ModelCIF file with pLDDT and N, C-alpha, C, O atoms, coordinates in Angstrom:
data_MODEL
#
_entry.id   MODEL 
#
_entity.id                         1 
_entity.type                       polymer 
_entity.pdbx_number_of_molecules   1 
#
_entity_poly.entity_id                      1 
_entity_poly.type                           'polypeptide(L)' 
_entity_poly.nstd_linkage                   no 
_entity_poly.nstd_monomer                   no 
_entity_poly.pdbx_seq_one_letter_code       GGLGAWTEPRCPVASISSTTITMAQPCWNNSTKRVLRTDGSGRTY 
_entity_poly.pdbx_seq_one_letter_code_can   GGLGAWTEPRCPVASISSTTITMAQPCWNNSTKRVLRTDGSGRTY 
_entity_poly.pdbx_strand_id                 A 
#
loop_
_entity_poly_seq.entity_id 
_entity_poly_seq.num 
_entity_poly_seq.mon_id 
_entity_poly_seq.hetero 
1 1  GLY n 
1 2  GLY n 
1 3  LEU n 
1 4  GLY n 
1 5  ALA n 
1 6  TRP n 
1 7  THR n 
1 8  GLU n 
1 9  PRO n 
1 10 ARG n 
1 11 CYS n 
1 12 PRO n 
1 13 VAL n 
1 14 ALA n 
1 15 SER n 
1 16 ILE n 
1 17 SER n 
1 18 SER n 
1 19 THR n 
1 20 THR n 
1 21 ILE n 
1 22 THR n 
1 23 MET n 
1 24 ALA n 
1 25 GLN n 
1 26 PRO n 
1 27 CYS n 
1 28 TRP n 
1 29 ASN n 
1 30 ASN n 
1 31 SER n 
1 32 THR n 
1 33 LYS n 
1 34 ARG n 
1 35 VAL n 
1 36 LEU n 
1 37 ARG n 
1 38 THR n 
1 39 ASP n 
1 40 GLY n 
1 41 SER n 
1 42 GLY n 
1 43 ARG n 
1 44 THR n 
1 45 TYR n 
#
_struct_asym.id          A 
_struct_asym.entity_id   1 
#
loop_
_ma_qa_metric.id 
_ma_qa_metric.mode 
_ma_qa_metric.name 
_ma_qa_metric.software_group_id 
_ma_qa_metric.type 
1 global pLDDT . pLDDT 
2 local  pLDDT . pLDDT 
#
_ma_qa_metric_global.metric_id      1 
_ma_qa_metric_global.metric_value   96.36 
_ma_qa_metric_global.model_id       1 
_ma_qa_metric_global.ordinal_id     1 
#
loop_
_ma_qa_metric_local.label_asym_id 
_ma_qa_metric_local.label_comp_id 
_ma_qa_metric_local.label_seq_id 
_ma_qa_metric_local.metric_id 
_ma_qa_metric_local.metric_value 
_ma_qa_metric_local.model_id 
_ma_qa_metric_local.ordinal_id 
A GLY 1  2 97.00 1 1  
A GLY 2  2 98.00 1 2  
A LEU 3  2 98.00 1 3  
A GLY 4  2 97.00 1 4  
A ALA 5  2 97.00 1 5  
A TRP 6  2 98.00 1 6  
A THR 7  2 98.00 1 7  
A GLU 8  2 98.00 1 8  
A PRO 9  2 98.00 1 9  
A ARG 10 2 98.00 1 10 
A CYS 11 2 98.00 1 11 
A PRO 12 2 98.00 1 12 
A VAL 13 2 98.00 1 13 
A ALA 14 2 98.00 1 14 
A SER 15 2 96.00 1 15 
A ILE 16 2 95.00 1 16 
A SER 17 2 91.00 1 17 
A SER 18 2 88.00 1 18 
A THR 19 2 92.00 1 19 
A THR 20 2 95.00 1 20 
A ILE 21 2 96.00 1 21 
A THR 22 2 97.00 1 22 
A MET 23 2 98.00 1 23 
A ALA 24 2 98.00 1 24 
A GLN 25 2 98.00 1 25 
A PRO 26 2 98.00 1 26 
A CYS 27 2 98.00 1 27 
A TRP 28 2 98.00 1 28 
A ASN 29 2 98.00 1 29 
A ASN 30 2 98.00 1 30 
A SER 31 2 98.00 1 31 
A THR 32 2 98.00 1 32 
A LYS 33 2 98.00 1 33 
A ARG 34 2 98.00 1 34 
A VAL 35 2 96.00 1 35 
A LEU 36 2 96.00 1 36 
A ARG 37 2 96.00 1 37 
A THR 38 2 93.00 1 38 
A ASP 39 2 93.00 1 39 
A GLY 40 2 91.00 1 40 
A SER 41 2 93.00 1 41 
A GLY 42 2 93.00 1 42 
A ARG 43 2 96.00 1 43 
A THR 44 2 97.00 1 44 
A TYR 45 2 97.00 1 45 
#
loop_
_atom_site.group_PDB 
_atom_site.id 
_atom_site.type_symbol 
_atom_site.label_atom_id 
_atom_site.label_alt_id 
_atom_site.label_comp_id 
_atom_site.label_asym_id 
_atom_site.label_entity_id 
_atom_site.label_seq_id 
_atom_site.pdbx_PDB_ins_code 
_atom_site.Cartn_x 
_atom_site.Cartn_y 
_atom_site.Cartn_z 
_atom_site.occupancy 
_atom_site.B_iso_or_equiv 
_atom_site.pdbx_formal_charge 
_atom_site.auth_seq_id 
_atom_site.auth_comp_id 
_atom_site.auth_asym_id 
_atom_site.auth_atom_id 
_atom_site.pdbx_PDB_model_num 
ATOM 1   N N  . GLY A 1 1  ? 7.384  -1.342  14.488 1.00 97.00 ? 1  GLY A N  1 
ATOM 2   C CA . GLY A 1 1  ? 6.670  -2.583  14.688 1.00 97.00 ? 1  GLY A CA 1 
ATOM 3   C C  . GLY A 1 1  ? 6.284  -3.274  13.390 1.00 97.00 ? 1  GLY A C  1 
ATOM 4   O O  . GLY A 1 1  ? 5.427  -4.158  13.379 1.00 97.00 ? 1  GLY A O  1 
ATOM 5   N N  . GLY A 1 2  ? 6.924  -2.866  12.290 1.00 98.00 ? 2  GLY A N  1 
ATOM 6   C CA . GLY A 1 2  ? 6.465  -3.310  10.969 1.00 98.00 ? 2  GLY A CA 1 
ATOM 7   C C  . GLY A 1 2  ? 6.610  -4.777  10.681 1.00 98.00 ? 2  GLY A C  1 
ATOM 8   O O  . GLY A 1 2  ? 5.807  -5.326  9.927  1.00 98.00 ? 2  GLY A O  1 
ATOM 9   N N  . LEU A 1 3  ? 7.612  -5.450  11.254 1.00 98.00 ? 3  LEU A N  1 
ATOM 10  C CA . LEU A 1 3  ? 7.773  -6.900  10.965 1.00 98.00 ? 3  LEU A CA 1 
ATOM 11  C C  . LEU A 1 3  ? 7.765  -7.666  12.319 1.00 98.00 ? 3  LEU A C  1 
ATOM 12  O O  . LEU A 1 3  ? 8.423  -8.698  12.458 1.00 98.00 ? 3  LEU A O  1 
ATOM 13  N N  . GLY A 1 4  ? 7.039  -7.159  13.271 1.00 97.00 ? 4  GLY A N  1 
ATOM 14  C CA . GLY A 1 4  ? 6.979  -7.705  14.628 1.00 97.00 ? 4  GLY A CA 1 
ATOM 15  C C  . GLY A 1 4  ? 7.093  -6.583  15.597 1.00 97.00 ? 4  GLY A C  1 
ATOM 16  O O  . GLY A 1 4  ? 7.722  -5.569  15.296 1.00 97.00 ? 4  GLY A O  1 
ATOM 17  N N  . ALA A 1 5  ? 6.501  -6.728  16.767 1.00 97.00 ? 5  ALA A N  1 
ATOM 18  C CA . ALA A 1 5  ? 6.462  -5.672  17.756 1.00 97.00 ? 5  ALA A CA 1 
ATOM 19  C C  . ALA A 1 5  ? 7.869  -5.225  18.235 1.00 97.00 ? 5  ALA A C  1 
ATOM 20  O O  . ALA A 1 5  ? 8.020  -4.148  18.813 1.00 97.00 ? 5  ALA A O  1 
ATOM 21  N N  . TRP A 1 6  ? 8.870  -6.056  17.987 1.00 98.00 ? 6  TRP A N  1 
ATOM 22  C CA . TRP A 1 6  ? 10.207 -5.817  18.414 1.00 98.00 ? 6  TRP A CA 1 
ATOM 23  C C  . TRP A 1 6  ? 11.078 -5.189  17.286 1.00 98.00 ? 6  TRP A C  1 
ATOM 24  O O  . TRP A 1 6  ? 12.273 -4.965  17.482 1.00 98.00 ? 6  TRP A O  1 
ATOM 25  N N  . THR A 1 7  ? 10.495 -4.921  16.155 1.00 98.00 ? 7  THR A N  1 
ATOM 26  C CA . THR A 1 7  ? 11.265 -4.482  14.987 1.00 98.00 ? 7  THR A CA 1 
ATOM 27  C C  . THR A 1 7  ? 10.924 -3.060  14.584 1.00 98.00 ? 7  THR A C  1 
ATOM 28  O O  . THR A 1 7  ? 9.863  -2.546  14.938 1.00 98.00 ? 7  THR A O  1 
ATOM 29  N N  . GLU A 1 8  ? 11.812 -2.431  13.851 1.00 98.00 ? 8  GLU A N  1 
ATOM 30  C CA . GLU A 1 8  ? 11.563 -1.138  13.231 1.00 98.00 ? 8  GLU A CA 1 
ATOM 31  C C  . GLU A 1 8  ? 12.275 -1.088  11.890 1.00 98.00 ? 8  GLU A C  1 
ATOM 32  O O  . GLU A 1 8  ? 13.281 -0.395  11.742 1.00 98.00 ? 8  GLU A O  1 
ATOM 33  N N  . PRO A 1 9  ? 11.751 -1.825  10.910 1.00 98.00 ? 9  PRO A N  1 
ATOM 34  C CA . PRO A 1 9  ? 12.386 -1.850  9.589  1.00 98.00 ? 9  PRO A CA 1 
ATOM 35  C C  . PRO A 1 9  ? 12.334 -0.499  8.875  1.00 98.00 ? 9  PRO A C  1 
ATOM 36  O O  . PRO A 1 9  ? 11.500 0.350   9.189  1.00 98.00 ? 9  PRO A O  1 
ATOM 37  N N  . ARG A 1 10 ? 13.214 -0.321  7.939  1.00 98.00 ? 10 ARG A N  1 
ATOM 38  C CA . ARG A 1 10 ? 13.310 0.917   7.154  1.00 98.00 ? 10 ARG A CA 1 
ATOM 39  C C  . ARG A 1 10 ? 13.605 0.510   5.677  1.00 98.00 ? 10 ARG A C  1 
ATOM 40  O O  . ARG A 1 10 ? 14.441 -0.352  5.405  1.00 98.00 ? 10 ARG A O  1 
ATOM 41  N N  . CYS A 1 11 ? 12.915 1.141   4.786  1.00 98.00 ? 11 CYS A N  1 
ATOM 42  C CA . CYS A 1 11 ? 13.178 0.887   3.337  1.00 98.00 ? 11 CYS A CA 1 
ATOM 43  C C  . CYS A 1 11 ? 13.278 2.195   2.611  1.00 98.00 ? 11 CYS A C  1 
ATOM 44  O O  . CYS A 1 11 ? 12.427 3.068   2.776  1.00 98.00 ? 11 CYS A O  1 
ATOM 45  N N  . PRO A 1 12 ? 14.317 2.345   1.800  1.00 98.00 ? 12 PRO A N  1 
ATOM 46  C CA . PRO A 1 12 ? 14.442 3.571   0.963  1.00 98.00 ? 12 PRO A CA 1 
ATOM 47  C C  . PRO A 1 12 ? 13.418 3.563   -0.208 1.00 98.00 ? 12 PRO A C  1 
ATOM 48  O O  . PRO A 1 12 ? 12.955 2.518   -0.665 1.00 98.00 ? 12 PRO A O  1 
ATOM 49  N N  . VAL A 1 13 ? 13.111 4.756   -0.641 1.00 98.00 ? 13 VAL A N  1 
ATOM 50  C CA . VAL A 1 13 ? 12.287 4.947   -1.855 1.00 98.00 ? 13 VAL A CA 1 
ATOM 51  C C  . VAL A 1 13 ? 13.194 4.906   -3.091 1.00 98.00 ? 13 VAL A C  1 
ATOM 52  O O  . VAL A 1 13 ? 14.290 5.465   -3.067 1.00 98.00 ? 13 VAL A O  1 
ATOM 53  N N  . ALA A 1 14 ? 12.760 4.269   -4.141 1.00 98.00 ? 14 ALA A N  1 
ATOM 54  C CA . ALA A 1 14 ? 13.505 4.280   -5.420 1.00 98.00 ? 14 ALA A CA 1 
ATOM 55  C C  . ALA A 1 14 ? 13.097 5.457   -6.291 1.00 98.00 ? 14 ALA A C  1 
ATOM 56  O O  . ALA A 1 14 ? 13.948 6.154   -6.843 1.00 98.00 ? 14 ALA A O  1 
ATOM 57  N N  . SER A 1 15 ? 11.762 5.680   -6.416 1.00 96.00 ? 15 SER A N  1 
ATOM 58  C CA . SER A 1 15 ? 11.292 6.811   -7.263 1.00 96.00 ? 15 SER A CA 1 
ATOM 59  C C  . SER A 1 15 ? 9.862  7.112   -6.836 1.00 96.00 ? 15 SER A C  1 
ATOM 60  O O  . SER A 1 15 ? 9.187  6.297   -6.206 1.00 96.00 ? 15 SER A O  1 
ATOM 61  N N  . ILE A 1 16 ? 9.421  8.332   -7.209 1.00 95.00 ? 16 ILE A N  1 
ATOM 62  C CA . ILE A 1 16 ? 8.063  8.785   -6.970 1.00 95.00 ? 16 ILE A CA 1 
ATOM 63  C C  . ILE A 1 16 ? 7.529  9.541   -8.154 1.00 95.00 ? 16 ILE A C  1 
ATOM 64  O O  . ILE A 1 16 ? 8.158  10.472  -8.656 1.00 95.00 ? 16 ILE A O  1 
ATOM 65  N N  . SER A 1 17 ? 6.384  9.139   -8.586 1.00 91.00 ? 17 SER A N  1 
ATOM 66  C CA . SER A 1 17 ? 5.642  9.909   -9.593 1.00 91.00 ? 17 SER A CA 1 
ATOM 67  C C  . SER A 1 17 ? 4.379  10.476  -8.963 1.00 91.00 ? 17 SER A C  1 
ATOM 68  O O  . SER A 1 17 ? 4.206  10.375  -7.748 1.00 91.00 ? 17 SER A O  1 
ATOM 69  N N  . SER A 1 18 ? 3.492  11.071  -9.756 1.00 88.00 ? 18 SER A N  1 
ATOM 70  C CA . SER A 1 18 ? 2.333  11.702  -9.166 1.00 88.00 ? 18 SER A CA 1 
ATOM 71  C C  . SER A 1 18 ? 1.400  10.715  -8.457 1.00 88.00 ? 18 SER A C  1 
ATOM 72  O O  . SER A 1 18 ? 0.700  11.101  -7.520 1.00 88.00 ? 18 SER A O  1 
ATOM 73  N N  . THR A 1 19 ? 1.380  9.471   -8.880 1.00 92.00 ? 19 THR A N  1 
ATOM 74  C CA . THR A 1 19 ? 0.470  8.470   -8.247 1.00 92.00 ? 19 THR A CA 1 
ATOM 75  C C  . THR A 1 19 ? 1.162  7.192   -7.855 1.00 92.00 ? 19 THR A C  1 
ATOM 76  O O  . THR A 1 19 ? 0.503  6.272   -7.372 1.00 92.00 ? 19 THR A O  1 
ATOM 77  N N  . THR A 1 20 ? 2.459  7.094   -8.040 1.00 95.00 ? 20 THR A N  1 
ATOM 78  C CA . THR A 1 20 ? 3.171  5.833   -7.780 1.00 95.00 ? 20 THR A CA 1 
ATOM 79  C C  . THR A 1 20 ? 4.448  6.049   -6.962 1.00 95.00 ? 20 THR A C  1 
ATOM 80  O O  . THR A 1 20 ? 5.282  6.890   -7.298 1.00 95.00 ? 20 THR A O  1 
ATOM 81  N N  . ILE A 1 21 ? 4.580  5.283   -5.897 1.00 96.00 ? 21 ILE A N  1 
ATOM 82  C CA . ILE A 1 21 ? 5.840  5.251   -5.144 1.00 96.00 ? 21 ILE A CA 1 
ATOM 83  C C  . ILE A 1 21 ? 6.468  3.888   -5.303 1.00 96.00 ? 21 ILE A C  1 
ATOM 84  O O  . ILE A 1 21 ? 5.914  2.883   -4.858 1.00 96.00 ? 21 ILE A O  1 
ATOM 85  N N  . THR A 1 22 ? 7.612  3.851   -5.932 1.00 97.00 ? 22 THR A N  1 
ATOM 86  C CA . THR A 1 22 ? 8.342  2.576   -6.134 1.00 97.00 ? 22 THR A CA 1 
ATOM 87  C C  . THR A 1 22 ? 9.420  2.472   -5.057 1.00 97.00 ? 22 THR A C  1 
ATOM 88  O O  . THR A 1 22 ? 10.257 3.362   -4.909 1.00 97.00 ? 22 THR A O  1 
ATOM 89  N N  . MET A 1 23 ? 9.385  1.375   -4.315 1.00 98.00 ? 23 MET A N  1 
ATOM 90  C CA . MET A 1 23 ? 10.353 1.202   -3.235 1.00 98.00 ? 23 MET A CA 1 
ATOM 91  C C  . MET A 1 23 ? 11.602 0.530   -3.721 1.00 98.00 ? 23 MET A C  1 
ATOM 92  O O  . MET A 1 23 ? 11.597 -0.201  -4.711 1.00 98.00 ? 23 MET A O  1 
ATOM 93  N N  . ALA A 1 24 ? 12.709 0.797   -2.984 1.00 98.00 ? 24 ALA A N  1 
ATOM 94  C CA . ALA A 1 24 ? 14.032 0.233   -3.378 1.00 98.00 ? 24 ALA A CA 1 
ATOM 95  C C  . ALA A 1 24 ? 14.072 -1.255  -3.180 1.00 98.00 ? 24 ALA A C  1 
ATOM 96  O O  . ALA A 1 24 ? 13.499 -1.789  -2.231 1.00 98.00 ? 24 ALA A O  1 
ATOM 97  N N  . GLN A 1 25 ? 14.749 -1.915  -4.079 1.00 98.00 ? 25 GLN A N  1 
ATOM 98  C CA . GLN A 1 25 ? 14.981 -3.344  -3.997 1.00 98.00 ? 25 GLN A CA 1 
ATOM 99  C C  . GLN A 1 25 ? 16.454 -3.628  -3.726 1.00 98.00 ? 25 GLN A C  1 
ATOM 100 O O  . GLN A 1 25 ? 17.325 -2.939  -4.257 1.00 98.00 ? 25 GLN A O  1 
ATOM 101 N N  . PRO A 1 26 ? 16.738 -4.630  -2.910 1.00 98.00 ? 26 PRO A N  1 
ATOM 102 C CA . PRO A 1 26 ? 15.827 -5.729  -2.459 1.00 98.00 ? 26 PRO A CA 1 
ATOM 103 C C  . PRO A 1 26 ? 15.100 -5.479  -1.179 1.00 98.00 ? 26 PRO A C  1 
ATOM 104 O O  . PRO A 1 26 ? 14.376 -6.365  -0.724 1.00 98.00 ? 26 PRO A O  1 
ATOM 105 N N  . CYS A 1 27 ? 15.244 -4.299  -0.548 1.00 98.00 ? 27 CYS A N  1 
ATOM 106 C CA . CYS A 1 27 ? 14.624 -4.074  0.733  1.00 98.00 ? 27 CYS A CA 1 
ATOM 107 C C  . CYS A 1 27 ? 13.136 -4.366  0.712  1.00 98.00 ? 27 CYS A C  1 
ATOM 108 O O  . CYS A 1 27 ? 12.602 -4.987  1.631  1.00 98.00 ? 27 CYS A O  1 
ATOM 109 N N  . TRP A 1 28 ? 12.464 -3.914  -0.347 1.00 98.00 ? 28 TRP A N  1 
ATOM 110 C CA . TRP A 1 28 ? 11.017 -4.059  -0.367 1.00 98.00 ? 28 TRP A CA 1 
ATOM 111 C C  . TRP A 1 28 ? 10.592 -5.532  -0.434 1.00 98.00 ? 28 TRP A C  1 
ATOM 112 O O  . TRP A 1 28 ? 9.708  -5.953  0.313  1.00 98.00 ? 28 TRP A O  1 
ATOM 113 N N  . ASN A 1 29 ? 11.203 -6.299  -1.305 1.00 98.00 ? 29 ASN A N  1 
ATOM 114 C CA . ASN A 1 29 ? 10.845 -7.713  -1.387 1.00 98.00 ? 29 ASN A CA 1 
ATOM 115 C C  . ASN A 1 29 ? 11.196 -8.446  -0.092 1.00 98.00 ? 29 ASN A C  1 
ATOM 116 O O  . ASN A 1 29 ? 10.437 -9.304  0.360  1.00 98.00 ? 29 ASN A O  1 
ATOM 117 N N  . ASN A 1 30 ? 12.358 -8.108  0.514  1.00 98.00 ? 30 ASN A N  1 
ATOM 118 C CA . ASN A 1 30 ? 12.754 -8.803  1.703  1.00 98.00 ? 30 ASN A CA 1 
ATOM 119 C C  . ASN A 1 30 ? 11.831 -8.461  2.907  1.00 98.00 ? 30 ASN A C  1 
ATOM 120 O O  . ASN A 1 30 ? 11.782 -9.183  3.903  1.00 98.00 ? 30 ASN A O  1 
ATOM 121 N N  . SER A 1 31 ? 11.110 -7.337  2.766  1.00 98.00 ? 31 SER A N  1 
ATOM 122 C CA . SER A 1 31 ? 10.238 -6.923  3.874  1.00 98.00 ? 31 SER A CA 1 
ATOM 123 C C  . SER A 1 31 ? 8.747  -7.193  3.601  1.00 98.00 ? 31 SER A C  1 
ATOM 124 O O  . SER A 1 31 ? 7.899  -6.942  4.457  1.00 98.00 ? 31 SER A O  1 
ATOM 125 N N  . THR A 1 32 ? 8.440  -7.709  2.395  1.00 98.00 ? 32 THR A N  1 
ATOM 126 C CA . THR A 1 32 ? 7.021  -7.937  2.084  1.00 98.00 ? 32 THR A CA 1 
ATOM 127 C C  . THR A 1 32 ? 6.737  -9.290  1.457  1.00 98.00 ? 32 THR A C  1 
ATOM 128 O O  . THR A 1 32 ? 5.575  -9.631  1.236  1.00 98.00 ? 32 THR A O  1 
ATOM 129 N N  . LYS A 1 33 ? 7.783  -10.077 1.163  1.00 98.00 ? 33 LYS A N  1 
ATOM 130 C CA . LYS A 1 33 ? 7.546  -11.348 0.432  1.00 98.00 ? 33 LYS A CA 1 
ATOM 131 C C  . LYS A 1 33 ? 8.197  -12.565 1.152  1.00 98.00 ? 33 LYS A C  1 
ATOM 132 O O  . LYS A 1 33 ? 8.549  -13.561 0.521  1.00 98.00 ? 33 LYS A O  1 
ATOM 133 N N  . ARG A 1 34 ? 8.340  -12.448 2.464  1.00 98.00 ? 34 ARG A N  1 
ATOM 134 C CA . ARG A 1 34 ? 8.872  -13.616 3.167  1.00 98.00 ? 34 ARG A CA 1 
ATOM 135 C C  . ARG A 1 34 ? 7.943  -14.806 2.955  1.00 98.00 ? 34 ARG A C  1 
ATOM 136 O O  . ARG A 1 34 ? 6.723  -14.652 3.017  1.00 98.00 ? 34 ARG A O  1 
ATOM 137 N N  . VAL A 1 35 ? 8.479  -15.950 2.714  1.00 96.00 ? 35 VAL A N  1 
ATOM 138 C CA . VAL A 1 35 ? 7.718  -17.094 2.234  1.00 96.00 ? 35 VAL A CA 1 
ATOM 139 C C  . VAL A 1 35 ? 7.044  -17.854 3.351  1.00 96.00 ? 35 VAL A C  1 
ATOM 140 O O  . VAL A 1 35 ? 7.673  -18.187 4.355  1.00 96.00 ? 35 VAL A O  1 
ATOM 141 N N  . LEU A 1 36 ? 5.747  -18.133 3.173  1.00 96.00 ? 36 LEU A N  1 
ATOM 142 C CA . LEU A 1 36 ? 5.012  -18.898 4.155  1.00 96.00 ? 36 LEU A CA 1 
ATOM 143 C C  . LEU A 1 36 ? 5.279  -20.387 4.020  1.00 96.00 ? 36 LEU A C  1 
ATOM 144 O O  . LEU A 1 36 ? 5.418  -20.924 2.922  1.00 96.00 ? 36 LEU A O  1 
ATOM 145 N N  . ARG A 1 37 ? 5.346  -21.035 5.179  1.00 96.00 ? 37 ARG A N  1 
ATOM 146 C CA . ARG A 1 37 ? 5.495  -22.532 5.154  1.00 96.00 ? 37 ARG A CA 1 
ATOM 147 C C  . ARG A 1 37 ? 4.221  -23.142 4.560  1.00 96.00 ? 37 ARG A C  1 
ATOM 148 O O  . ARG A 1 37 ? 3.153  -22.529 4.539  1.00 96.00 ? 37 ARG A O  1 
ATOM 149 N N  . THR A 1 38 ? 4.384  -24.364 4.086  1.00 93.00 ? 38 THR A N  1 
ATOM 150 C CA . THR A 1 38 ? 3.272  -25.064 3.468  1.00 93.00 ? 38 THR A CA 1 
ATOM 151 C C  . THR A 1 38 ? 2.590  -26.021 4.421  1.00 93.00 ? 38 THR A C  1 
ATOM 152 O O  . THR A 1 38 ? 1.757  -26.826 4.004  1.00 93.00 ? 38 THR A O  1 
ATOM 153 N N  . ASP A 1 39 ? 2.938  -25.943 5.715  1.00 93.00 ? 39 ASP A N  1 
ATOM 154 C CA . ASP A 1 39 ? 2.381  -26.880 6.676  1.00 93.00 ? 39 ASP A CA 1 
ATOM 155 C C  . ASP A 1 39 ? 1.087  -26.419 7.331  1.00 93.00 ? 39 ASP A C  1 
ATOM 156 O O  . ASP A 1 39 ? 0.555  -27.076 8.226  1.00 93.00 ? 39 ASP A O  1 
ATOM 157 N N  . GLY A 1 40 ? 0.576  -25.238 6.851  1.00 91.00 ? 40 GLY A N  1 
ATOM 158 C CA . GLY A 1 40 ? -0.646 -24.706 7.433  1.00 91.00 ? 40 GLY A CA 1 
ATOM 159 C C  . GLY A 1 40 ? -0.482 -23.928 8.717  1.00 91.00 ? 40 GLY A C  1 
ATOM 160 O O  . GLY A 1 40 ? -1.465 -23.499 9.321  1.00 91.00 ? 40 GLY A O  1 
ATOM 161 N N  . SER A 1 41 ? 0.793  -23.739 9.147  1.00 93.00 ? 41 SER A N  1 
ATOM 162 C CA . SER A 1 41 ? 1.053  -23.031 10.428 1.00 93.00 ? 41 SER A CA 1 
ATOM 163 C C  . SER A 1 41 ? 0.821  -21.556 10.297 1.00 93.00 ? 41 SER A C  1 
ATOM 164 O O  . SER A 1 41 ? 0.641  -20.870 11.303 1.00 93.00 ? 41 SER A O  1 
ATOM 165 N N  . GLY A 1 42 ? 0.819  -21.031 9.057  1.00 93.00 ? 42 GLY A N  1 
ATOM 166 C CA . GLY A 1 42 ? 0.681  -19.607 8.856  1.00 93.00 ? 42 GLY A CA 1 
ATOM 167 C C  . GLY A 1 42 ? 1.952  -18.846 9.168  1.00 93.00 ? 42 GLY A C  1 
ATOM 168 O O  . GLY A 1 42 ? 1.931  -17.617 9.244  1.00 93.00 ? 42 GLY A O  1 
ATOM 169 N N  . ARG A 1 43 ? 3.064  -19.555 9.350  1.00 96.00 ? 43 ARG A N  1 
ATOM 170 C CA . ARG A 1 43 ? 4.318  -18.897 9.693  1.00 96.00 ? 43 ARG A CA 1 
ATOM 171 C C  . ARG A 1 43 ? 5.259  -18.899 8.488  1.00 96.00 ? 43 ARG A C  1 
ATOM 172 O O  . ARG A 1 43 ? 5.158  -19.746 7.601  1.00 96.00 ? 43 ARG A O  1 
ATOM 173 N N  . THR A 1 44 ? 6.137  -17.973 8.480  1.00 97.00 ? 44 THR A N  1 
ATOM 174 C CA . THR A 1 44 ? 7.179  -17.908 7.417  1.00 97.00 ? 44 THR A CA 1 
ATOM 175 C C  . THR A 1 44 ? 8.243  -18.978 7.710  1.00 97.00 ? 44 THR A C  1 
ATOM 176 O O  . THR A 1 44 ? 8.305  -19.540 8.803  1.00 97.00 ? 44 THR A O  1 
ATOM 177 N N  . TYR A 1 45 ? 9.066  -19.231 6.706  1.00 97.00 ? 45 TYR A N  1 
ATOM 178 C CA . TYR A 1 45 ? 10.172 -20.160 6.926  1.00 97.00 ? 45 TYR A CA 1 
ATOM 179 C C  . TYR A 1 45 ? 11.231 -19.581 7.903  1.00 97.00 ? 45 TYR A C  1 
ATOM 180 O O  . TYR A 1 45 ? 12.229 -20.241 8.194  1.00 97.00 ? 45 TYR A O  1 
#
């Protein structure tokens, strides 16, 4: 349900240190940075 109740996205890990998990790109950006419209609708493009 990560990107909507009808979805099940998956992202690989790039690396892990003792306190940091870095996710693989471009999956992470594509799953966390979808751009909001500027019309005040609160929806992505």
